[in-house]
Amino acid sequence: MHPAPTGRVVLTFDDGPHPDSTPKLLDLLAAAEAPAVFFLCGEPAERHPELVRSIQAAGHRLGNHSRTHPYLTRLQDDEVRAELTATQAGVAEATGSAPTLFRPPYLDTDARIAALAGEFGLTEVGCTLDTRDWAGLPAEDIAAAADRAADGDVILLHDNPALHTLPALPELLRRLAERGLTPSLEELWTRG
């Protein structure tokens, strides 16, 4: 058996906010004292500004995940800008500040998308560990992703009540802690 890794990981949640899952995620993260980045879609953020404020008030970071979750590389420049502008504006209206982080939907990106995001002062954040919760995996399989986690990983999860992410999160956090891996936002800023 190899020694368990120690270090920090970044938890990220895409596609929210959702009134049925976001408050529960916030409660689970608070109980574990685990900070996260929520990459928000503009449409639900516009419908639920109170949830956007709750995420920020709980000490988590907010990121831009586009307005309508399209494949950005299939869009023209002006369409990409519109997707980013709408989410920037919606989050800023809810919280008083626009996001500085960006994750393209489906991780669909290229140099053009990164450059367009840069026009908004957005830093693109990918992931290094995909839990595949988006594929409808059972909670145990999602939680088992923690067994593959390493220092510095950016872990992809989703804020979606239709997925098994909520029931998986306590076990995923337990497994990370057992391996000496602590959720942190600092790791995002210190990665090379």
N, C-alpha and C. Protein backbone atom coordinates (compact mmCIF):
# COMPACT_ATOMS: atom_id res chain seq x y z
N MET A 1 0.83 -1.19 0.00
CA MET A 1 0.00 0.00 0.00
C MET A 1 0.87 1.25 0.00
N HIS A 2 0.46 2.22 -0.80
CA HIS A 2 1.19 3.48 -0.84
C HIS A 2 0.72 4.40 0.28
N PRO A 3 1.61 5.24 0.79
CA PRO A 3 1.17 6.18 1.82
C PRO A 3 0.12 7.13 1.23
N ALA A 4 -0.82 7.51 2.06
CA ALA A 4 -1.88 8.43 1.62
C ALA A 4 -1.28 9.80 1.32
N PRO A 5 -1.78 10.46 0.28
CA PRO A 5 -1.28 11.79 -0.02
C PRO A 5 -1.76 12.80 1.02
N THR A 6 -1.05 13.88 1.11
CA THR A 6 -1.49 15.00 1.94
C THR A 6 -1.42 16.25 1.10
N GLY A 7 -2.19 17.24 1.46
CA GLY A 7 -2.16 18.50 0.73
C GLY A 7 -3.54 19.10 0.60
N ARG A 8 -3.70 19.89 -0.44
CA ARG A 8 -4.93 20.64 -0.63
C ARG A 8 -5.56 20.31 -1.97
N VAL A 9 -6.87 20.37 -2.00
CA VAL A 9 -7.64 20.20 -3.23
C VAL A 9 -8.65 21.34 -3.32
N VAL A 10 -9.14 21.58 -4.51
CA VAL A 10 -10.17 22.60 -4.73
C VAL A 10 -11.45 21.91 -5.16
N LEU A 11 -12.51 22.11 -4.40
CA LEU A 11 -13.83 21.59 -4.77
C LEU A 11 -14.52 22.62 -5.66
N THR A 12 -15.09 22.16 -6.77
CA THR A 12 -15.82 23.07 -7.65
C THR A 12 -17.17 22.45 -7.98
N PHE A 13 -18.18 23.31 -8.08
CA PHE A 13 -19.54 22.89 -8.39
C PHE A 13 -20.05 23.70 -9.58
N ASP A 14 -20.39 23.02 -10.65
CA ASP A 14 -20.89 23.67 -11.86
C ASP A 14 -22.41 23.64 -11.91
N ASP A 15 -22.96 24.56 -12.71
CA ASP A 15 -24.35 24.55 -13.19
C ASP A 15 -25.39 25.16 -12.28
N GLY A 16 -25.07 25.59 -11.10
CA GLY A 16 -26.09 26.16 -10.20
C GLY A 16 -26.33 27.63 -10.50
N PRO A 17 -27.05 28.29 -9.63
CA PRO A 17 -27.62 27.75 -8.41
C PRO A 17 -28.98 27.09 -8.65
N HIS A 18 -29.33 26.17 -7.74
CA HIS A 18 -30.62 25.48 -7.80
C HIS A 18 -31.25 25.53 -6.40
N PRO A 19 -32.51 25.94 -6.31
CA PRO A 19 -33.13 26.05 -4.98
C PRO A 19 -33.24 24.72 -4.25
N ASP A 20 -33.25 23.60 -4.97
CA ASP A 20 -33.38 22.30 -4.32
C ASP A 20 -32.04 21.70 -3.88
N SER A 21 -30.93 22.18 -4.42
CA SER A 21 -29.64 21.58 -4.06
C SER A 21 -28.65 22.57 -3.45
N THR A 22 -28.64 23.81 -3.89
CA THR A 22 -27.63 24.75 -3.41
C THR A 22 -27.66 24.92 -1.89
N PRO A 23 -28.82 25.16 -1.26
CA PRO A 23 -28.80 25.31 0.21
C PRO A 23 -28.27 24.07 0.93
N LYS A 24 -28.59 22.88 0.41
CA LYS A 24 -28.11 21.64 1.03
C LYS A 24 -26.60 21.50 0.85
N LEU A 25 -26.10 21.85 -0.34
CA LEU A 25 -24.65 21.83 -0.55
C LEU A 25 -23.96 22.78 0.42
N LEU A 26 -24.52 23.96 0.57
CA LEU A 26 -23.92 24.95 1.48
C LEU A 26 -23.89 24.42 2.91
N ASP A 27 -24.95 23.74 3.33
CA ASP A 27 -24.97 23.17 4.68
C ASP A 27 -23.90 22.09 4.84
N LEU A 28 -23.78 21.20 3.86
CA LEU A 28 -22.77 20.13 3.93
C LEU A 28 -21.36 20.71 3.94
N LEU A 29 -21.12 21.71 3.11
CA LEU A 29 -19.79 22.32 3.05
C LEU A 29 -19.48 23.06 4.35
N ALA A 30 -20.48 23.74 4.93
CA ALA A 30 -20.27 24.44 6.20
C ALA A 30 -19.95 23.45 7.31
N ALA A 31 -20.66 22.34 7.35
CA ALA A 31 -20.41 21.34 8.40
C ALA A 31 -18.98 20.79 8.31
N ALA A 32 -18.46 20.71 7.09
CA ALA A 32 -17.10 20.19 6.89
C ALA A 32 -16.05 21.30 6.86
N GLU A 33 -16.49 22.54 7.01
CA GLU A 33 -15.60 23.71 6.89
C GLU A 33 -14.80 23.63 5.60
N ALA A 34 -15.49 23.31 4.51
CA ALA A 34 -14.87 23.12 3.20
C ALA A 34 -15.28 24.23 2.24
N PRO A 35 -14.35 25.07 1.84
CA PRO A 35 -14.67 26.10 0.86
C PRO A 35 -14.72 25.50 -0.54
N ALA A 36 -15.43 26.18 -1.44
CA ALA A 36 -15.56 25.69 -2.81
C ALA A 36 -15.73 26.86 -3.76
N VAL A 37 -15.63 26.55 -5.04
CA VAL A 37 -15.93 27.51 -6.10
C VAL A 37 -17.21 27.02 -6.77
N PHE A 38 -18.18 27.90 -6.88
CA PHE A 38 -19.42 27.61 -7.58
C PHE A 38 -19.39 28.33 -8.92
N PHE A 39 -19.32 27.54 -9.99
CA PHE A 39 -19.36 28.11 -11.34
C PHE A 39 -20.82 28.18 -11.77
N LEU A 40 -21.34 29.39 -11.78
CA LEU A 40 -22.77 29.62 -11.95
C LEU A 40 -23.15 29.85 -13.40
N CYS A 41 -24.32 29.34 -13.76
CA CYS A 41 -24.93 29.66 -15.05
C CYS A 41 -25.82 30.89 -14.86
N GLY A 42 -25.79 31.77 -15.84
CA GLY A 42 -26.49 33.04 -15.72
C GLY A 42 -27.99 32.93 -15.56
N GLU A 43 -28.62 32.00 -16.30
CA GLU A 43 -30.08 31.92 -16.21
C GLU A 43 -30.57 31.58 -14.80
N PRO A 44 -30.06 30.50 -14.16
CA PRO A 44 -30.53 30.25 -12.79
C PRO A 44 -30.04 31.32 -11.80
N ALA A 45 -28.90 31.92 -12.05
CA ALA A 45 -28.42 32.98 -11.17
C ALA A 45 -29.35 34.19 -11.22
N GLU A 46 -29.86 34.49 -12.41
CA GLU A 46 -30.81 35.60 -12.54
C GLU A 46 -32.12 35.29 -11.84
N ARG A 47 -32.56 34.02 -11.88
CA ARG A 47 -33.82 33.62 -11.23
C ARG A 47 -33.68 33.54 -9.71
N HIS A 48 -32.47 33.29 -9.23
CA HIS A 48 -32.27 33.06 -7.79
C HIS A 48 -31.10 33.89 -7.23
N PRO A 49 -31.20 35.21 -7.30
CA PRO A 49 -30.09 36.03 -6.79
C PRO A 49 -29.83 35.82 -5.30
N GLU A 50 -30.87 35.42 -4.57
CA GLU A 50 -30.69 35.18 -3.13
C GLU A 50 -29.74 34.00 -2.90
N LEU A 51 -29.78 33.01 -3.78
CA LEU A 51 -28.85 31.87 -3.65
C LEU A 51 -27.43 32.28 -3.99
N VAL A 52 -27.29 33.15 -4.99
CA VAL A 52 -25.96 33.66 -5.34
C VAL A 52 -25.36 34.39 -4.14
N ARG A 53 -26.18 35.21 -3.49
CA ARG A 53 -25.71 35.93 -2.29
C ARG A 53 -25.38 34.96 -1.16
N SER A 54 -26.18 33.90 -1.02
CA SER A 54 -25.93 32.92 0.04
C SER A 54 -24.60 32.21 -0.16
N ILE A 55 -24.30 31.86 -1.42
CA ILE A 55 -23.02 31.19 -1.72
C ILE A 55 -21.86 32.10 -1.32
N GLN A 56 -21.95 33.36 -1.73
CA GLN A 56 -20.87 34.30 -1.41
C GLN A 56 -20.78 34.55 0.09
N ALA A 57 -21.93 34.71 0.76
CA ALA A 57 -21.93 34.97 2.20
C ALA A 57 -21.34 33.81 2.99
N ALA A 58 -21.43 32.60 2.43
CA ALA A 58 -20.88 31.42 3.11
C ALA A 58 -19.37 31.31 2.91
N GLY A 59 -18.77 32.24 2.17
CA GLY A 59 -17.32 32.26 2.01
C GLY A 59 -16.79 31.53 0.80
N HIS A 60 -17.69 31.14 -0.10
CA HIS A 60 -17.26 30.45 -1.31
C HIS A 60 -17.01 31.46 -2.43
N ARG A 61 -16.26 31.03 -3.43
CA ARG A 61 -15.99 31.86 -4.60
C ARG A 61 -17.05 31.61 -5.66
N LEU A 62 -17.33 32.63 -6.44
CA LEU A 62 -18.28 32.54 -7.53
C LEU A 62 -17.53 32.62 -8.85
N GLY A 63 -17.91 31.76 -9.79
CA GLY A 63 -17.31 31.77 -11.11
C GLY A 63 -18.37 31.83 -12.18
N ASN A 64 -17.96 32.18 -13.38
CA ASN A 64 -18.83 32.30 -14.55
C ASN A 64 -18.80 30.97 -15.30
N HIS A 65 -19.99 30.42 -15.57
CA HIS A 65 -20.11 29.16 -16.31
C HIS A 65 -20.99 29.35 -17.56
N SER A 66 -21.08 30.59 -18.04
CA SER A 66 -21.89 31.01 -19.18
C SER A 66 -23.34 31.22 -18.75
N ARG A 67 -24.12 31.77 -19.63
CA ARG A 67 -25.53 32.02 -19.29
C ARG A 67 -26.40 30.80 -19.52
N THR A 68 -26.22 30.14 -20.69
CA THR A 68 -27.14 29.07 -21.07
C THR A 68 -26.47 27.71 -21.24
N HIS A 69 -25.19 27.58 -20.90
CA HIS A 69 -24.46 26.31 -20.92
C HIS A 69 -24.30 25.72 -22.32
N PRO A 70 -23.88 26.52 -23.30
CA PRO A 70 -23.65 25.97 -24.64
C PRO A 70 -22.21 25.47 -24.80
N TYR A 71 -21.95 24.78 -25.90
CA TYR A 71 -20.58 24.50 -26.31
C TYR A 71 -20.03 25.81 -26.88
N LEU A 72 -19.18 26.47 -26.15
CA LEU A 72 -18.71 27.80 -26.55
C LEU A 72 -17.90 27.78 -27.84
N THR A 73 -17.14 26.72 -28.10
CA THR A 73 -16.32 26.71 -29.31
C THR A 73 -17.17 26.66 -30.58
N ARG A 74 -18.44 26.35 -30.45
CA ARG A 74 -19.35 26.32 -31.60
C ARG A 74 -20.01 27.66 -31.87
N LEU A 75 -19.75 28.64 -30.98
CA LEU A 75 -20.38 29.95 -31.10
C LEU A 75 -19.43 30.96 -31.73
N GLN A 76 -20.02 32.00 -32.31
CA GLN A 76 -19.25 33.13 -32.82
C GLN A 76 -18.78 33.98 -31.64
N ASP A 77 -17.77 34.80 -31.88
CA ASP A 77 -17.21 35.62 -30.80
C ASP A 77 -18.27 36.44 -30.08
N ASP A 78 -19.17 37.10 -30.85
CA ASP A 78 -20.17 37.95 -30.21
C ASP A 78 -21.14 37.13 -29.36
N GLU A 79 -21.39 35.88 -29.75
CA GLU A 79 -22.26 35.02 -28.96
C GLU A 79 -21.57 34.58 -27.66
N VAL A 80 -20.29 34.30 -27.74
CA VAL A 80 -19.54 33.94 -26.53
C VAL A 80 -19.52 35.14 -25.58
N ARG A 81 -19.25 36.32 -26.13
CA ARG A 81 -19.24 37.52 -25.28
C ARG A 81 -20.60 37.73 -24.61
N ALA A 82 -21.69 37.49 -25.34
CA ALA A 82 -23.02 37.65 -24.76
C ALA A 82 -23.25 36.67 -23.61
N GLU A 83 -22.81 35.42 -23.79
CA GLU A 83 -22.94 34.42 -22.73
C GLU A 83 -22.19 34.85 -21.47
N LEU A 84 -20.98 35.36 -21.65
CA LEU A 84 -20.15 35.76 -20.50
C LEU A 84 -20.67 37.05 -19.88
N THR A 85 -21.06 38.00 -20.72
CA THR A 85 -21.56 39.29 -20.22
C THR A 85 -22.78 39.10 -19.34
N ALA A 86 -23.72 38.29 -19.79
CA ALA A 86 -24.96 38.10 -19.04
C ALA A 86 -24.68 37.54 -17.64
N THR A 87 -23.79 36.56 -17.55
CA THR A 87 -23.50 35.97 -16.25
C THR A 87 -22.71 36.93 -15.37
N GLN A 88 -21.75 37.62 -15.97
CA GLN A 88 -21.01 38.63 -15.19
C GLN A 88 -21.97 39.64 -14.58
N ALA A 89 -22.91 40.13 -15.41
CA ALA A 89 -23.86 41.14 -14.96
C ALA A 89 -24.80 40.59 -13.89
N GLY A 90 -25.29 39.37 -14.09
CA GLY A 90 -26.22 38.79 -13.12
C GLY A 90 -25.58 38.57 -11.76
N VAL A 91 -24.36 38.07 -11.75
CA VAL A 91 -23.67 37.85 -10.47
C VAL A 91 -23.33 39.19 -9.82
N ALA A 92 -22.88 40.15 -10.62
CA ALA A 92 -22.55 41.47 -10.07
C ALA A 92 -23.78 42.15 -9.50
N GLU A 93 -24.91 41.99 -10.16
CA GLU A 93 -26.15 42.59 -9.65
C GLU A 93 -26.54 41.96 -8.31
N ALA A 94 -26.36 40.67 -8.19
CA ALA A 94 -26.73 39.97 -6.95
C ALA A 94 -25.78 40.25 -5.81
N THR A 95 -24.48 40.39 -6.11
CA THR A 95 -23.47 40.44 -5.04
C THR A 95 -22.68 41.74 -4.96
N GLY A 96 -22.72 42.53 -6.01
CA GLY A 96 -21.92 43.75 -6.03
C GLY A 96 -20.57 43.59 -6.69
N SER A 97 -20.21 42.36 -7.07
CA SER A 97 -18.94 42.16 -7.77
C SER A 97 -19.07 41.03 -8.79
N ALA A 98 -18.38 41.18 -9.89
CA ALA A 98 -18.42 40.19 -10.96
C ALA A 98 -17.39 39.10 -10.70
N PRO A 99 -17.62 37.90 -11.21
CA PRO A 99 -16.64 36.82 -11.05
C PRO A 99 -15.31 37.15 -11.74
N THR A 100 -14.26 36.52 -11.25
CA THR A 100 -12.95 36.61 -11.90
C THR A 100 -12.50 35.24 -12.41
N LEU A 101 -13.30 34.20 -12.10
CA LEU A 101 -12.99 32.84 -12.54
C LEU A 101 -14.03 32.39 -13.56
N PHE A 102 -13.62 31.51 -14.45
CA PHE A 102 -14.48 31.06 -15.54
C PHE A 102 -14.21 29.59 -15.81
N ARG A 103 -15.28 28.82 -15.96
CA ARG A 103 -15.15 27.45 -16.44
C ARG A 103 -16.11 27.29 -17.62
N PRO A 104 -15.57 26.92 -18.79
CA PRO A 104 -16.44 26.72 -19.94
C PRO A 104 -17.31 25.48 -19.76
N PRO A 105 -18.58 25.55 -20.16
CA PRO A 105 -19.42 24.36 -20.10
C PRO A 105 -18.79 23.21 -20.87
N TYR A 106 -18.95 22.01 -20.34
CA TYR A 106 -18.40 20.79 -20.94
C TYR A 106 -16.87 20.83 -21.04
N LEU A 107 -16.24 21.80 -20.37
CA LEU A 107 -14.80 22.03 -20.48
C LEU A 107 -14.40 22.22 -21.95
N ASP A 108 -15.33 22.75 -22.73
CA ASP A 108 -15.17 22.96 -24.17
C ASP A 108 -14.49 24.32 -24.38
N THR A 109 -13.20 24.28 -24.65
CA THR A 109 -12.46 25.53 -24.76
C THR A 109 -11.33 25.39 -25.76
N ASP A 110 -10.78 26.53 -26.12
CA ASP A 110 -9.59 26.60 -26.96
C ASP A 110 -8.97 27.98 -26.72
N ALA A 111 -7.95 28.30 -27.46
CA ALA A 111 -7.26 29.58 -27.24
C ALA A 111 -8.18 30.77 -27.49
N ARG A 112 -9.10 30.64 -28.44
CA ARG A 112 -10.02 31.75 -28.74
C ARG A 112 -10.96 31.99 -27.55
N ILE A 113 -11.49 30.93 -26.97
CA ILE A 113 -12.40 31.08 -25.82
C ILE A 113 -11.64 31.66 -24.63
N ALA A 114 -10.44 31.18 -24.39
CA ALA A 114 -9.64 31.73 -23.29
C ALA A 114 -9.36 33.21 -23.49
N ALA A 115 -9.09 33.61 -24.74
CA ALA A 115 -8.83 35.02 -25.03
C ALA A 115 -10.09 35.85 -24.82
N LEU A 116 -11.23 35.34 -25.26
CA LEU A 116 -12.49 36.08 -25.07
C LEU A 116 -12.81 36.21 -23.59
N ALA A 117 -12.60 35.17 -22.82
CA ALA A 117 -12.82 35.24 -21.38
C ALA A 117 -11.87 36.26 -20.76
N GLY A 118 -10.65 36.30 -21.27
CA GLY A 118 -9.67 37.26 -20.77
C GLY A 118 -10.10 38.70 -20.96
N GLU A 119 -10.92 38.96 -21.98
CA GLU A 119 -11.45 40.32 -22.19
C GLU A 119 -12.27 40.78 -20.99
N PHE A 120 -12.82 39.83 -20.25
CA PHE A 120 -13.64 40.14 -19.08
C PHE A 120 -12.84 40.04 -17.79
N GLY A 121 -11.53 39.83 -17.91
CA GLY A 121 -10.70 39.65 -16.73
C GLY A 121 -10.92 38.31 -16.06
N LEU A 122 -11.40 37.33 -16.83
CA LEU A 122 -11.70 36.01 -16.30
C LEU A 122 -10.52 35.06 -16.50
N THR A 123 -10.17 34.34 -15.46
CA THR A 123 -9.16 33.30 -15.51
C THR A 123 -9.87 31.96 -15.68
N GLU A 124 -9.50 31.23 -16.70
CA GLU A 124 -10.14 29.94 -16.96
C GLU A 124 -9.63 28.89 -15.99
N VAL A 125 -10.56 28.12 -15.42
CA VAL A 125 -10.24 27.06 -14.47
C VAL A 125 -10.81 25.76 -15.01
N GLY A 126 -9.95 24.81 -15.27
CA GLY A 126 -10.40 23.49 -15.73
C GLY A 126 -10.62 22.58 -14.54
N CYS A 127 -10.33 21.31 -14.71
CA CYS A 127 -10.37 20.37 -13.59
C CYS A 127 -9.30 19.32 -13.83
N THR A 128 -8.82 18.75 -12.76
CA THR A 128 -7.85 17.67 -12.87
C THR A 128 -8.42 16.35 -12.37
N LEU A 129 -9.58 16.40 -11.71
CA LEU A 129 -10.25 15.19 -11.26
C LEU A 129 -11.75 15.34 -11.50
N ASP A 130 -12.26 14.57 -12.45
CA ASP A 130 -13.67 14.58 -12.80
C ASP A 130 -14.35 13.45 -12.04
N THR A 131 -15.28 13.77 -11.15
CA THR A 131 -16.01 12.74 -10.40
C THR A 131 -17.03 12.02 -11.28
N ARG A 132 -17.32 12.57 -12.44
CA ARG A 132 -18.31 12.03 -13.38
C ARG A 132 -19.71 11.96 -12.76
N ASP A 133 -19.97 12.83 -11.80
CA ASP A 133 -21.31 12.89 -11.23
C ASP A 133 -22.34 13.25 -12.30
N TRP A 134 -21.91 14.03 -13.29
CA TRP A 134 -22.78 14.45 -14.39
C TRP A 134 -23.31 13.26 -15.19
N ALA A 135 -22.64 12.12 -15.12
CA ALA A 135 -23.05 10.93 -15.88
C ALA A 135 -24.13 10.13 -15.15
N GLY A 136 -24.60 10.63 -14.00
CA GLY A 136 -25.63 9.93 -13.25
C GLY A 136 -25.10 8.77 -12.42
N LEU A 137 -23.79 8.79 -12.13
CA LEU A 137 -23.21 7.72 -11.33
C LEU A 137 -23.87 7.66 -9.95
N PRO A 138 -23.90 6.48 -9.34
CA PRO A 138 -24.41 6.38 -7.96
C PRO A 138 -23.47 7.11 -6.99
N ALA A 139 -24.03 7.48 -5.84
CA ALA A 139 -23.28 8.26 -4.86
C ALA A 139 -21.96 7.60 -4.48
N GLU A 140 -21.94 6.29 -4.30
CA GLU A 140 -20.72 5.59 -3.90
C GLU A 140 -19.62 5.77 -4.94
N ASP A 141 -19.97 5.71 -6.21
CA ASP A 141 -18.97 5.87 -7.27
C ASP A 141 -18.44 7.31 -7.32
N ILE A 142 -19.31 8.27 -7.07
CA ILE A 142 -18.88 9.68 -7.04
C ILE A 142 -17.91 9.88 -5.87
N ALA A 143 -18.29 9.37 -4.70
CA ALA A 143 -17.43 9.52 -3.52
C ALA A 143 -16.09 8.83 -3.71
N ALA A 144 -16.08 7.72 -4.44
CA ALA A 144 -14.84 6.97 -4.66
C ALA A 144 -13.82 7.75 -5.46
N ALA A 145 -14.23 8.80 -6.14
CA ALA A 145 -13.28 9.64 -6.86
C ALA A 145 -12.24 10.22 -5.91
N ALA A 146 -12.61 10.40 -4.66
CA ALA A 146 -11.66 10.92 -3.66
C ALA A 146 -10.46 10.01 -3.51
N ASP A 147 -10.62 8.73 -3.80
CA ASP A 147 -9.52 7.79 -3.67
C ASP A 147 -8.44 8.03 -4.73
N ARG A 148 -8.79 8.76 -5.78
CA ARG A 148 -7.82 9.09 -6.84
C ARG A 148 -7.27 10.51 -6.68
N ALA A 149 -7.74 11.24 -5.70
CA ALA A 149 -7.34 12.64 -5.54
C ALA A 149 -5.89 12.76 -5.09
N ALA A 150 -5.27 13.83 -5.55
CA ALA A 150 -3.88 14.13 -5.19
C ALA A 150 -3.76 15.60 -4.85
N ASP A 151 -2.68 15.94 -4.18
CA ASP A 151 -2.41 17.33 -3.82
C ASP A 151 -2.53 18.22 -5.05
N GLY A 152 -3.29 19.29 -4.93
CA GLY A 152 -3.44 20.26 -6.00
C GLY A 152 -4.57 19.99 -6.96
N ASP A 153 -5.28 18.88 -6.81
CA ASP A 153 -6.38 18.58 -7.74
C ASP A 153 -7.49 19.61 -7.63
N VAL A 154 -8.08 19.91 -8.79
CA VAL A 154 -9.30 20.70 -8.89
C VAL A 154 -10.40 19.70 -9.23
N ILE A 155 -11.32 19.51 -8.30
CA ILE A 155 -12.31 18.43 -8.38
C ILE A 155 -13.62 18.96 -8.96
N LEU A 156 -14.08 18.30 -10.02
CA LEU A 156 -15.31 18.70 -10.71
C LEU A 156 -16.52 17.96 -10.13
N LEU A 157 -17.47 18.76 -9.62
CA LEU A 157 -18.75 18.29 -9.12
C LEU A 157 -19.84 19.19 -9.70
N HIS A 158 -21.09 18.85 -9.45
CA HIS A 158 -22.18 19.65 -10.00
C HIS A 158 -23.22 19.97 -8.93
N ASP A 159 -23.80 21.15 -9.06
CA ASP A 159 -24.88 21.63 -8.22
C ASP A 159 -26.16 21.38 -9.01
N ASN A 160 -26.69 20.16 -8.89
CA ASN A 160 -27.85 19.76 -9.69
C ASN A 160 -28.62 18.72 -8.88
N PRO A 161 -29.87 19.03 -8.51
CA PRO A 161 -30.63 18.12 -7.66
C PRO A 161 -30.96 16.79 -8.32
N ALA A 162 -30.83 16.69 -9.65
CA ALA A 162 -31.14 15.44 -10.34
C ALA A 162 -30.00 14.44 -10.26
N LEU A 163 -28.82 14.88 -9.83
CA LEU A 163 -27.65 14.01 -9.75
C LEU A 163 -27.50 13.47 -8.32
N HIS A 164 -26.55 12.57 -8.13
CA HIS A 164 -26.31 11.97 -6.81
C HIS A 164 -25.16 12.64 -6.06
N THR A 165 -24.88 13.87 -6.42
CA THR A 165 -23.77 14.61 -5.81
C THR A 165 -24.03 14.88 -4.33
N LEU A 166 -25.24 15.31 -3.99
CA LEU A 166 -25.54 15.62 -2.59
C LEU A 166 -25.32 14.43 -1.67
N PRO A 167 -25.89 13.25 -1.96
CA PRO A 167 -25.63 12.13 -1.05
C PRO A 167 -24.18 11.65 -1.08
N ALA A 168 -23.45 11.95 -2.15
CA ALA A 168 -22.04 11.54 -2.25
C ALA A 168 -21.11 12.45 -1.47
N LEU A 169 -21.48 13.71 -1.31
CA LEU A 169 -20.53 14.70 -0.79
C LEU A 169 -19.99 14.37 0.61
N PRO A 170 -20.82 14.00 1.59
CA PRO A 170 -20.23 13.70 2.90
C PRO A 170 -19.16 12.60 2.85
N GLU A 171 -19.41 11.55 2.09
CA GLU A 171 -18.44 10.46 1.99
C GLU A 171 -17.20 10.90 1.21
N LEU A 172 -17.39 11.68 0.16
CA LEU A 172 -16.24 12.19 -0.59
C LEU A 172 -15.36 13.05 0.32
N LEU A 173 -15.99 13.91 1.11
CA LEU A 173 -15.22 14.76 2.04
C LEU A 173 -14.52 13.92 3.11
N ARG A 174 -15.20 12.87 3.59
CA ARG A 174 -14.59 11.99 4.60
C ARG A 174 -13.37 11.30 4.02
N ARG A 175 -13.49 10.81 2.79
CA ARG A 175 -12.36 10.12 2.16
C ARG A 175 -11.20 11.07 1.90
N LEU A 176 -11.51 12.29 1.49
CA LEU A 176 -10.43 13.27 1.30
C LEU A 176 -9.70 13.51 2.62
N ALA A 177 -10.46 13.71 3.70
CA ALA A 177 -9.86 13.97 5.01
C ALA A 177 -9.02 12.78 5.47
N GLU A 178 -9.53 11.58 5.23
CA GLU A 178 -8.82 10.37 5.61
C GLU A 178 -7.46 10.29 4.92
N ARG A 179 -7.39 10.86 3.73
CA ARG A 179 -6.14 10.83 2.96
C ARG A 179 -5.29 12.08 3.22
N GLY A 180 -5.73 12.93 4.12
CA GLY A 180 -4.96 14.12 4.44
C GLY A 180 -5.12 15.24 3.44
N LEU A 181 -6.17 15.20 2.64
CA LEU A 181 -6.42 16.24 1.63
C LEU A 181 -7.48 17.20 2.14
N THR A 182 -7.14 18.47 2.16
CA THR A 182 -8.01 19.50 2.71
C THR A 182 -8.55 20.40 1.60
N PRO A 183 -9.87 20.57 1.52
CA PRO A 183 -10.40 21.54 0.55
C PRO A 183 -9.91 22.95 0.88
N SER A 184 -9.46 23.64 -0.13
CA SER A 184 -8.87 24.96 0.03
C SER A 184 -9.10 25.76 -1.24
N LEU A 185 -9.24 27.05 -1.10
CA LEU A 185 -9.29 27.91 -2.28
C LEU A 185 -7.92 28.48 -2.57
N GLU A 186 -7.05 28.47 -1.59
CA GLU A 186 -5.70 29.00 -1.78
C GLU A 186 -4.96 28.27 -2.90
N GLU A 187 -5.22 26.98 -3.02
CA GLU A 187 -4.52 26.18 -4.04
C GLU A 187 -4.76 26.71 -5.45
N LEU A 188 -5.94 27.29 -5.68
CA LEU A 188 -6.22 27.84 -7.01
C LEU A 188 -5.23 28.94 -7.38
N TRP A 189 -4.86 29.74 -6.41
CA TRP A 189 -4.02 30.91 -6.72
C TRP A 189 -2.54 30.56 -6.73
N THR A 190 -2.18 29.40 -6.18
CA THR A 190 -0.77 29.06 -6.11
C THR A 190 -0.36 28.05 -7.18
N ARG A 191 -1.33 27.54 -7.94
CA ARG A 191 -1.01 26.58 -9.00
C ARG A 191 -0.23 27.26 -10.11
N GLY A 192 0.72 26.53 -10.68
CA GLY A 192 1.53 27.08 -11.76
C GLY A 192 0.82 27.16 -13.08
